[in-house]
Structures are given as structure tokens and as C-alpha cells.
């Protein structure tokens, strides 16, 4: 009788340990996914208009939020491309 009791307690403890490992693994991968999404958001927001890039060049701050053709053309005409390749040399 005592042998049966030990085996059932052992199997319960093993089951609890296995469930704990599965939960911890799930939390680890969930945290990793959240971290990747956060880094993607940071990367996207670092290249939005109106922000300053890390190398000292400034992004265009006077971009219109309108999507009609005249506003887009005005934004293109206002874009200064002089010295764009200066950082490459």
C-alpha cells in the first residue's frame, strides 16, 4: 500500500514540474515576441517624418498629411536632395 502511495505522489510531482516547465517556456516565448514587436515599432517610429535621425541629418518636417495629388507634388517639390550622398563618402 505504501508503494502505491509513493508512486502516485511521484507522478503528481512530475506532472506539476512538467506543467511548470511548459508555462515558463510559454512565458519566455511570449516575452520574446513582445520584445520583437516593440523593437519593430521603435524602428518604424524612428523613420517617421518629423523625427531626427541618429547621424545628425534631419528628416523633412513640413510634409503634408493630405493624400491628394497636389499636396504630394508640393511635398516632392519642397524636398531638398542636395548633399544626399554626403554620408556615403
C-alpha atoms as a PDB file:
ATOM      1  CA  UNK A   1       0.000   0.000   0.000  1.00  0.00           C
ATOM      2  CA  UNK A   2       2.767   2.374   0.825  1.00  0.00           C
ATOM      3  CA  UNK A   3       4.422   1.664  -2.552  1.00  0.00           C
ATOM      4  CA  UNK A   4       1.279   2.692  -4.425  1.00  0.00           C
ATOM      5  CA  UNK A   5       1.090   5.941  -2.449  1.00  0.00           C
ATOM      6  CA  UNK A   6       4.704   6.823  -3.263  1.00  0.00           C
ATOM      7  CA  UNK A   7       4.211   6.199  -6.960  1.00  0.00           C
ATOM      8  CA  UNK A   8       1.075   8.340  -7.133  1.00  0.00           C
ATOM      9  CA  UNK A   9       2.778  11.204  -5.262  1.00  0.00           C
ATOM     10  CA  UNK A  10       5.795  10.915  -7.556  1.00  0.00           C
ATOM     11  CA  UNK A  11       3.653  11.065 -10.681  1.00  0.00           C
ATOM     12  CA  UNK A  12       1.771  14.103  -9.344  1.00  0.00           C
ATOM     13  CA  UNK A  13       5.048  15.916  -8.598  1.00  0.00           C
ATOM     14  CA  UNK A  14       6.408  15.013 -12.057  1.00  0.00           C
ATOM     15  CA  UNK A  15       3.216  16.300 -13.695  1.00  0.00           C
ATOM     16  CA  UNK A  16       3.434  19.572 -11.748  1.00  0.00           C
ATOM     17  CA  UNK A  17       7.092  20.023 -12.769  1.00  0.00           C
ATOM     18  CA  UNK A  18       6.290  19.347 -16.433  1.00  0.00           C
ATOM     19  CA  UNK A  19       3.380  21.828 -16.386  1.00  0.00           C
ATOM     20  CA  UNK A  20       5.605  24.440 -14.710  1.00  0.00           C
ATOM     21  CA  UNK A  21       8.274  23.970 -17.404  1.00  0.00           C
ATOM     22  CA  UNK A  22       5.673  24.328 -20.167  1.00  0.00           C
ATOM     23  CA  UNK A  23       4.257  27.510 -18.572  1.00  0.00           C
ATOM     24  CA  UNK A  24       7.720  29.033 -18.117  1.00  0.00           C
ATOM     25  CA  UNK A  25       8.617  28.212 -21.723  1.00  0.00           C
ATOM     26  CA  UNK A  26       5.404  29.797 -22.953  1.00  0.00           C
ATOM     27  CA  UNK A  27       6.063  32.935 -20.929  1.00  0.00           C
ATOM     28  CA  UNK A  28       9.615  33.098 -22.290  1.00  0.00           C
ATOM     29  CA  UNK A  29       8.487  32.902 -25.922  1.00  0.00           C
ATOM     30  CA  UNK A  30       5.632  35.338 -25.301  1.00  0.00           C
ATOM     31  CA  UNK A  31       8.065  37.856 -23.812  1.00  0.00           C
ATOM     32  CA  UNK A  32      10.406  37.347 -26.766  1.00  0.00           C
ATOM     33  CA  UNK A  33       7.550  38.067 -29.193  1.00  0.00           C
ATOM     34  CA  UNK A  34       6.586  41.227 -27.292  1.00  0.00           C
ATOM     35  CA  UNK A  35      10.202  42.382 -27.367  1.00  0.00           C
ATOM     36  CA  UNK A  36      10.432  41.806 -31.134  1.00  0.00           C
ATOM     37  CA  UNK A  37       7.206  43.736 -31.727  1.00  0.00           C
ATOM     38  CA  UNK A  38       8.463  46.592 -29.557  1.00  0.00           C
ATOM     39  CA  UNK A  39      11.742  46.772 -31.469  1.00  0.00           C
ATOM     40  CA  UNK A  40       9.826  46.768 -34.773  1.00  0.00           C
ATOM     41  CA  UNK A  41       7.635  49.630 -33.515  1.00  0.00           C
ATOM     42  CA  UNK A  42      10.713  51.565 -32.432  1.00  0.00           C
ATOM     43  CA  UNK A  43      12.286  51.025 -35.840  1.00  0.00           C
ATOM     44  CA  UNK A  44       9.149  52.226 -37.615  1.00  0.00           C
ATOM     45  CA  UNK A  45       8.711  55.304 -35.427  1.00  0.00           C
ATOM     46  CA  UNK A  46      12.371  56.260 -35.798  1.00  0.00           C
ATOM     47  CA  UNK A  47      11.841  56.798 -39.539  1.00  0.00           C
ATOM     48  CA  UNK A  48       8.609  58.775 -39.436  1.00  0.00           C
ATOM     49  CA  UNK A  49       8.611  62.363 -40.732  1.00  0.00           C
ATOM     50  CA  UNK A  50       9.375  64.988 -38.161  1.00  0.00           C
ATOM     51  CA  UNK A  51      11.958  62.967 -36.247  1.00  0.00           C
ATOM     52  CA  UNK A  52      15.699  63.467 -36.163  1.00  0.00           C
ATOM     53  CA  UNK A  53      17.884  60.615 -37.301  1.00  0.00           C
ATOM     54  CA  UNK A  54      20.855  59.435 -35.269  1.00  0.00           C
ATOM     55  CA  UNK A  55      23.567  60.554 -37.693  1.00  0.00           C
ATOM     56  CA  UNK A  56      22.603  64.234 -37.371  1.00  0.00           C
ATOM     57  CA  UNK A  57      20.651  64.686 -40.574  1.00  0.00           C
ATOM     58  CA  UNK A  58      17.121  65.894 -40.059  1.00  0.00           C
ATOM     59  CA  UNK A  59      14.080  64.389 -41.687  1.00  0.00           C
ATOM     60  CA  UNK A  60      11.609  66.564 -43.528  1.00  0.00           C
ATOM     61  CA  UNK A  61       9.302  68.231 -41.023  1.00  0.00           C
ATOM     62  CA  UNK A  62       6.967  70.068 -43.392  1.00  0.00           C
ATOM     63  CA  UNK A  63       5.322  67.058 -45.021  1.00  0.00           C
ATOM     64  CA  UNK A  64       1.606  67.366 -45.584  1.00  0.00           C
ATOM     65  CA  UNK A  65      -0.671  64.682 -44.208  1.00  0.00           C
ATOM     66  CA  UNK A  66      -3.016  65.025 -47.187  1.00  0.00           C
ATOM     67  CA  UNK A  67      -3.031  62.351 -49.888  1.00  0.00           C
ATOM     68  CA  UNK A  68      -4.314  64.360 -52.834  1.00  0.00           C
ATOM     69  CA  UNK A  69      -2.010  64.720 -55.854  1.00  0.00           C
ATOM     70  CA  UNK A  70      -1.371  68.441 -55.457  1.00  0.00           C
ATOM     71  CA  UNK A  71      -0.149  68.012 -51.867  1.00  0.00           C
ATOM     72  CA  UNK A  72       2.084  65.108 -52.841  1.00  0.00           C
ATOM     73  CA  UNK A  73       3.553  67.101 -55.718  1.00  0.00           C
ATOM     74  CA  UNK A  74       4.146  70.086 -53.432  1.00  0.00           C
ATOM     75  CA  UNK A  75       5.920  67.822 -50.933  1.00  0.00           C
ATOM     76  CA  UNK A  76       8.115  66.379 -53.689  1.00  0.00           C
ATOM     77  CA  UNK A  77       8.997  69.826 -54.994  1.00  0.00           C
ATOM     78  CA  UNK A  78       9.874  71.018 -51.482  1.00  0.00           C
ATOM     79  CA  UNK A  79      12.200  68.065 -50.878  1.00  0.00           C
ATOM     80  CA  UNK A  80      15.862  69.052 -50.954  1.00  0.00           C
ATOM     81  CA  UNK A  81      18.066  66.299 -52.344  1.00  0.00           C
ATOM     82  CA  UNK A  82      21.355  68.254 -52.375  1.00  0.00           C
ATOM     83  CA  UNK A  83      24.073  66.520 -50.382  1.00  0.00           C
ATOM     84  CA  UNK A  84      22.062  63.336 -50.059  1.00  0.00           C
ATOM     85  CA  UNK A  85      25.112  61.168 -50.766  1.00  0.00           C
ATOM     86  CA  UNK A  86      27.468  63.116 -48.476  1.00  0.00           C
ATOM     87  CA  UNK A  87      27.169  60.487 -45.757  1.00  0.00           C
ATOM     88  CA  UNK A  88      28.295  57.755 -48.145  1.00  0.00           C
ATOM     89  CA  UNK A  89      31.717  59.265 -48.773  1.00  0.00           C
END
